[in-house]
């Protein structure tokens, strides 16, 4: 049995928190903007004497998964031993096939996948438990050799869809080729889910929520039935250790169900199946 709360983050955009010293409204806006952009990675080194004995370096992964994300992760981690290293996700999803590719890399390298919002204060980054893992992010989370998600995190799922038509899925037109792409990606996602130890319950639940309906936030029971967490992990869960004190005055950010345009440099929708969700809870057990 695996532990951790997961979500599917494919075609949606994600949020991230920057600047804990800012007013809450500004923090929420900054978080939303960061999660709309392509995923970035930041290595956070633990500072001796400022955290508990089991505190180690960790990686913050914020934003949506694009076609460039797997290669960027490989470049970012080249030459580093990732076994047991925590990667903290705050993501609304992204590309189905690229999330699958990176999830397999995470499993092979033995990472600990977690969910949380990363804040910055006095030059130090802190993991807040109110993170979001949505859509294809759930399946990326499933790729962790172990998974760890605080009860305050949000894991939400929905169907994968044509990314370039997710804005108004009902009004859009679809060809036979489009349907072939979706069917192909559903098949690849199903194989990946079972390879990573996820269950058919998780896949069926995600595929039952169309893009024009609100994302479904997984309950503790659904996380267990999806083999995302062990039943014993639902009880009590500590937030990941960090190199700075926990900031208590951060208000959880309500993720938008679907973001179709942004300021700055948004990731472009792709002609492939994509999805959107958020979430989390529990201590991790080895994934099979």
Protein backbone atom coordinates (compact mmCIF):
# COMPACT_ATOMS: atom_id res chain seq x y z
CA UNK A 1 0.00 0.00 0.00
CA UNK A 2 1.31 3.41 -0.90
CA UNK A 3 0.91 6.57 1.08
CA UNK A 4 0.47 10.16 0.03
CA UNK A 5 -2.27 12.17 -1.60
CA UNK A 6 -2.12 12.53 -5.34
CA UNK A 7 -3.79 14.33 -8.19
CA UNK A 8 -3.84 14.55 -11.95
CA UNK A 9 -2.48 17.81 -13.33
CA UNK A 10 -2.53 17.91 -17.08
CA UNK A 11 -3.85 20.85 -19.03
CA UNK A 12 -4.40 23.24 -16.16
CA UNK A 13 -2.17 25.92 -14.74
CA UNK A 14 -0.71 26.03 -11.21
CA UNK A 15 -0.05 28.51 -8.41
CA UNK A 16 2.95 29.20 -6.13
CA UNK A 17 3.64 31.38 -3.13
CA UNK A 18 6.43 33.93 -3.00
CA UNK A 19 7.10 36.48 -0.29
CA UNK A 20 5.61 35.53 3.07
CA UNK A 21 6.27 39.03 4.40
CA UNK A 22 3.75 40.47 1.95
CA UNK A 23 0.04 41.04 2.72
CA UNK A 24 -2.09 37.94 2.37
CA UNK A 25 -3.86 39.18 -0.76
CA UNK A 26 -0.55 39.86 -2.48
CA UNK A 27 0.79 36.47 -1.46
CA UNK A 28 -2.25 34.75 -2.97
CA UNK A 29 -1.87 36.68 -6.23
CA UNK A 30 1.83 35.88 -6.46
CA UNK A 31 1.09 32.22 -5.79
CA UNK A 32 -1.53 32.09 -8.52
CA UNK A 33 0.77 33.75 -11.04
CA UNK A 34 3.65 31.38 -10.31
CA UNK A 35 1.43 28.33 -10.70
CA UNK A 36 0.23 29.57 -14.09
CA UNK A 37 3.76 29.46 -15.48
CA UNK A 38 5.81 26.48 -16.70
CA UNK A 39 7.27 24.40 -13.87
CA UNK A 40 10.49 25.58 -12.28
CA UNK A 41 12.81 23.78 -9.86
CA UNK A 42 14.71 25.27 -6.93
CA UNK A 43 17.20 23.39 -4.77
CA UNK A 44 16.87 24.30 -1.08
CA UNK A 45 19.85 23.43 1.09
CA UNK A 46 19.18 22.58 4.74
CA UNK A 47 21.00 24.87 7.15
CA UNK A 48 22.76 23.04 10.01
CA UNK A 49 21.39 23.99 13.39
CA UNK A 50 18.14 25.44 12.04
CA UNK A 51 16.12 22.26 11.59
CA UNK A 52 15.60 18.87 13.16
CA UNK A 53 17.91 15.89 12.79
CA UNK A 54 16.08 14.44 9.78
CA UNK A 55 16.02 17.75 7.90
CA UNK A 56 17.70 17.45 4.50
CA UNK A 57 17.98 19.34 1.26
CA UNK A 58 14.80 19.42 -0.83
CA UNK A 59 13.53 20.64 -4.19
CA UNK A 60 10.62 23.01 -4.80
CA UNK A 61 8.73 22.16 -8.02
CA UNK A 62 6.18 24.87 -8.87
CA UNK A 63 4.09 25.33 -12.01
CA UNK A 64 2.60 23.35 -14.85
CA UNK A 65 4.23 20.41 -16.61
CA UNK A 66 5.17 21.24 -20.20
CA UNK A 67 7.05 19.52 -22.99
CA UNK A 68 10.28 21.05 -21.69
CA UNK A 69 9.84 20.01 -18.04
CA UNK A 70 11.37 16.48 -18.11
CA UNK A 71 14.56 17.69 -19.82
CA UNK A 72 14.81 20.67 -17.49
CA UNK A 73 14.51 18.38 -14.48
CA UNK A 74 17.23 16.12 -15.86
CA UNK A 75 19.54 19.10 -16.36
CA UNK A 76 18.72 20.49 -12.92
CA UNK A 77 19.47 17.25 -11.09
CA UNK A 78 22.35 15.91 -13.20
CA UNK A 79 25.07 14.46 -11.00
CA UNK A 80 22.95 14.57 -7.82
CA UNK A 81 21.80 11.59 -5.78
CA UNK A 82 18.01 11.94 -5.44
CA UNK A 83 17.26 8.78 -3.48
CA UNK A 84 15.04 9.75 -0.56
CA UNK A 85 15.19 13.45 -1.48
CA UNK A 86 11.92 15.34 -0.99
CA UNK A 87 10.42 17.13 -4.00
CA UNK A 88 7.62 19.49 -2.98
CA UNK A 89 4.93 19.93 -5.64
CA UNK A 90 2.59 22.90 -6.06
CA UNK A 91 1.03 22.36 -9.47
CA UNK A 92 -2.21 22.42 -11.45
CA UNK A 93 -1.04 19.78 -13.89
CA UNK A 94 0.09 19.92 -17.49
CA UNK A 95 0.99 17.58 -20.33
CA UNK A 96 -0.10 13.98 -19.84
CA UNK A 97 2.80 12.34 -21.64
CA UNK A 98 5.44 14.59 -20.09
CA UNK A 99 4.05 14.04 -16.59
CA UNK A 100 4.20 10.30 -17.20
CA UNK A 101 7.80 10.52 -18.45
CA UNK A 102 8.93 12.50 -15.43
CA UNK A 103 6.99 10.31 -13.01
CA UNK A 104 8.87 7.26 -14.24
CA UNK A 105 12.16 9.10 -13.72
CA UNK A 106 11.14 10.00 -10.17
CA UNK A 107 10.33 6.38 -9.38
CA UNK A 108 13.62 5.13 -10.84
CA UNK A 109 15.60 7.68 -8.83
CA UNK A 110 13.80 6.98 -5.56
CA UNK A 111 12.49 10.47 -4.76
CA UNK A 112 10.06 11.33 -1.97
CA UNK A 113 7.20 13.25 -3.58
CA UNK A 114 5.28 15.71 -1.41
CA UNK A 115 2.74 18.54 -1.74
CA UNK A 116 3.02 22.04 -0.27
CA UNK A 117 3.28 25.76 -0.94
CA UNK A 118 6.79 27.13 -0.79
CA UNK A 119 7.14 30.54 0.84
CA UNK A 120 10.16 32.79 1.25
CA UNK A 121 11.01 34.72 4.40
CA UNK A 122 14.27 36.39 5.39
CA UNK A 123 16.09 34.56 2.63
CA UNK A 124 14.84 31.12 3.69
CA UNK A 125 12.22 28.96 1.98
CA UNK A 126 9.54 27.30 4.06
CA UNK A 127 7.05 24.58 3.10
CA UNK A 128 3.46 25.45 4.00
CA UNK A 129 1.04 22.50 4.04
CA UNK A 130 -1.76 24.20 2.07
CA UNK A 131 -0.37 23.17 -1.32
CA UNK A 132 -2.23 22.12 -4.46
CA UNK A 133 -1.67 19.11 -6.69
CA UNK A 134 -4.19 19.05 -9.50
CA UNK A 135 -4.90 17.09 -12.65
CA UNK A 136 -1.72 15.47 -14.04
CA UNK A 137 0.16 16.55 -10.92
CA UNK A 138 -1.61 13.68 -9.17
CA UNK A 139 -0.02 11.16 -11.48
CA UNK A 140 3.35 12.84 -11.20
CA UNK A 141 2.98 12.57 -7.42
CA UNK A 142 2.16 8.89 -7.87
CA UNK A 143 5.63 8.46 -9.39
CA UNK A 144 7.32 9.14 -6.06
CA UNK A 145 9.03 6.09 -4.57
CA UNK A 146 7.45 7.36 -1.35
CA UNK A 147 4.76 10.00 -0.97
CA UNK A 148 4.10 12.45 1.83
CA UNK A 149 1.22 14.91 1.91
CA UNK A 150 -0.09 17.04 4.79
CA UNK A 151 -3.80 16.96 5.63
CA UNK A 152 -4.15 20.64 4.67
CA UNK A 153 -3.08 20.02 1.08
CA UNK A 154 -5.61 19.72 -1.76
CA UNK A 155 -5.65 16.88 -4.32
CA UNK A 156 -8.15 17.32 -7.15
CA UNK A 157 -8.84 15.39 -10.35
CA UNK A 158 -10.78 15.50 -13.61
CA UNK A 159 -10.68 14.07 -17.13
CA UNK A 160 -7.79 14.52 -19.49
CA UNK A 161 -8.79 16.56 -22.52
CA UNK A 162 -7.46 18.22 -25.64
CA UNK A 163 -5.33 20.99 -24.15
CA UNK A 164 -5.98 23.43 -26.98
CA UNK A 165 -9.76 23.11 -26.47
CA UNK A 166 -10.08 22.92 -22.71
CA UNK A 167 -11.18 26.56 -22.55
CA UNK A 168 -14.66 25.74 -23.89
CA UNK A 169 -14.75 21.98 -24.22
CA UNK A 170 -18.46 21.70 -25.03
CA UNK A 171 -18.43 24.26 -27.83
CA UNK A 172 -15.22 23.01 -29.44
CA UNK A 173 -15.15 20.73 -32.47
CA UNK A 174 -13.32 17.41 -32.52
CA UNK A 175 -12.10 15.18 -35.30
CA UNK A 176 -11.52 11.45 -35.40
CA UNK A 177 -7.81 12.17 -35.08
CA UNK A 178 -8.49 14.15 -31.90
CA UNK A 179 -10.38 11.25 -30.39
CA UNK A 180 -7.53 8.94 -31.32
CA UNK A 181 -5.11 11.17 -29.41
CA UNK A 182 -7.31 11.15 -26.31
CA UNK A 183 -7.81 7.38 -26.44
CA UNK A 184 -4.06 6.89 -26.88
CA UNK A 185 -3.24 9.08 -23.91
CA UNK A 186 -5.89 7.45 -21.71
CA UNK A 187 -4.31 4.08 -22.49
CA UNK A 188 -0.81 5.32 -21.66
CA UNK A 189 -2.06 6.94 -18.48
CA UNK A 190 -3.78 3.71 -17.43
CA UNK A 191 -0.62 1.66 -17.98
CA UNK A 192 1.45 4.18 -16.05
CA UNK A 193 -1.05 4.26 -13.18
CA UNK A 194 -0.90 0.49 -12.75
CA UNK A 195 2.88 0.40 -13.23
CA UNK A 196 3.22 2.92 -10.37
CA UNK A 197 0.92 0.91 -8.11
CA UNK A 198 -2.14 3.14 -8.46
CA UNK A 199 -5.58 1.57 -8.67
CA UNK A 200 -8.36 1.50 -11.23
CA UNK A 201 -10.48 3.41 -8.71
CA UNK A 202 -8.20 6.45 -9.03
CA UNK A 203 -8.21 6.32 -12.81
CA UNK A 204 -11.98 5.78 -13.06
CA UNK A 205 -12.69 8.66 -10.68
CA UNK A 206 -10.48 11.08 -12.59
CA UNK A 207 -11.92 10.08 -15.95
CA UNK A 208 -15.49 10.52 -14.70
CA UNK A 209 -15.22 14.31 -14.20
CA UNK A 210 -15.60 16.26 -17.49
CA UNK A 211 -13.66 19.52 -17.97
CA UNK A 212 -16.80 21.69 -17.73
CA UNK A 213 -17.51 20.48 -14.19
CA UNK A 214 -15.62 21.53 -11.02
CA UNK A 215 -12.56 19.49 -10.16
CA UNK A 216 -13.19 16.72 -7.68
CA UNK A 217 -11.15 16.92 -4.47
CA UNK A 218 -10.20 13.46 -3.28
CA UNK A 219 -11.35 12.38 0.14
CA UNK A 220 -9.15 10.40 2.51
CA UNK A 221 -11.10 7.25 1.60
CA UNK A 222 -10.57 7.90 -2.12
CA UNK A 223 -6.86 8.45 -1.60
CA UNK A 224 -6.69 5.08 0.12
CA UNK A 225 -8.78 3.28 -2.52
CA UNK A 226 -6.63 4.83 -5.23
CA UNK A 227 -3.50 3.40 -3.55
CA UNK A 228 -2.12 6.90 -3.14
CA UNK A 229 -1.84 6.54 0.63
CA UNK A 230 -2.05 3.72 3.14
CA UNK A 231 -5.09 3.61 5.41
CA UNK A 232 -2.80 3.95 8.41
CA UNK A 233 -1.38 7.19 6.98
CA UNK A 234 -4.68 9.06 7.07
CA UNK A 235 -4.57 9.52 10.83
CA UNK A 236 -1.76 11.91 11.68
CA UNK A 237 0.76 13.60 9.46
CA UNK A 238 3.51 16.12 10.15
CA UNK A 239 4.37 18.87 7.68
CA UNK A 240 7.72 18.42 5.89
CA UNK A 241 10.73 19.72 7.83
CA UNK A 242 12.33 22.89 6.47
CA UNK A 243 15.30 25.15 7.05
CA UNK A 244 13.12 27.93 8.50
CA UNK A 245 10.35 28.18 11.13
CA UNK A 246 6.85 27.42 9.95
CA UNK A 247 4.92 30.57 9.08
CA UNK A 248 1.51 30.32 10.69
CA UNK A 249 -0.27 33.29 9.12
CA UNK A 250 -0.50 32.03 5.56
CA UNK A 251 -4.07 31.75 4.32
CA UNK A 252 -4.75 28.73 2.07
CA UNK A 253 -5.13 29.77 -1.55
CA UNK A 254 -8.23 28.63 -3.41
CA UNK A 255 -7.08 27.32 -6.77
CA UNK A 256 -8.99 28.26 -9.87
CA UNK A 257 -10.62 25.30 -11.54
CA UNK A 258 -9.25 26.15 -14.94
CA UNK A 259 -6.99 28.95 -16.10
CA UNK A 260 -6.88 29.55 -19.83
CA UNK A 261 -4.82 32.72 -20.11
CA UNK A 262 -2.24 34.52 -18.01
CA UNK A 263 0.03 37.50 -17.88
CA UNK A 264 3.75 36.94 -18.20
CA UNK A 265 4.88 33.83 -20.06
CA UNK A 266 2.16 31.19 -19.75
CA UNK A 267 2.61 27.68 -21.00
CA UNK A 268 0.88 27.15 -24.32
CA UNK A 269 -1.94 24.57 -24.52
CA UNK A 270 -0.89 21.48 -26.43
CA UNK A 271 -2.76 19.26 -28.84
CA UNK A 272 -2.76 16.36 -26.46
CA UNK A 273 -4.81 15.17 -23.56
CA UNK A 274 -4.46 17.24 -20.41
CA UNK A 275 -6.09 17.62 -16.99
CA UNK A 276 -6.46 19.73 -13.74
CA UNK A 277 -6.65 18.95 -9.85
CA UNK A 278 -5.05 19.62 -6.30
CA UNK A 279 -4.39 18.06 -2.86
CA UNK A 280 -2.81 16.03 -0.09
CA UNK A 281 -2.34 14.18 3.14
CA UNK A 282 -0.32 11.56 5.06
CA UNK A 283 3.06 10.10 5.78
CA UNK A 284 4.63 8.10 3.00
CA UNK A 285 5.20 4.39 2.78
CA UNK A 286 7.36 2.78 0.09
CA UNK A 287 5.56 2.68 -3.26
CA UNK A 288 5.67 -0.45 -5.36
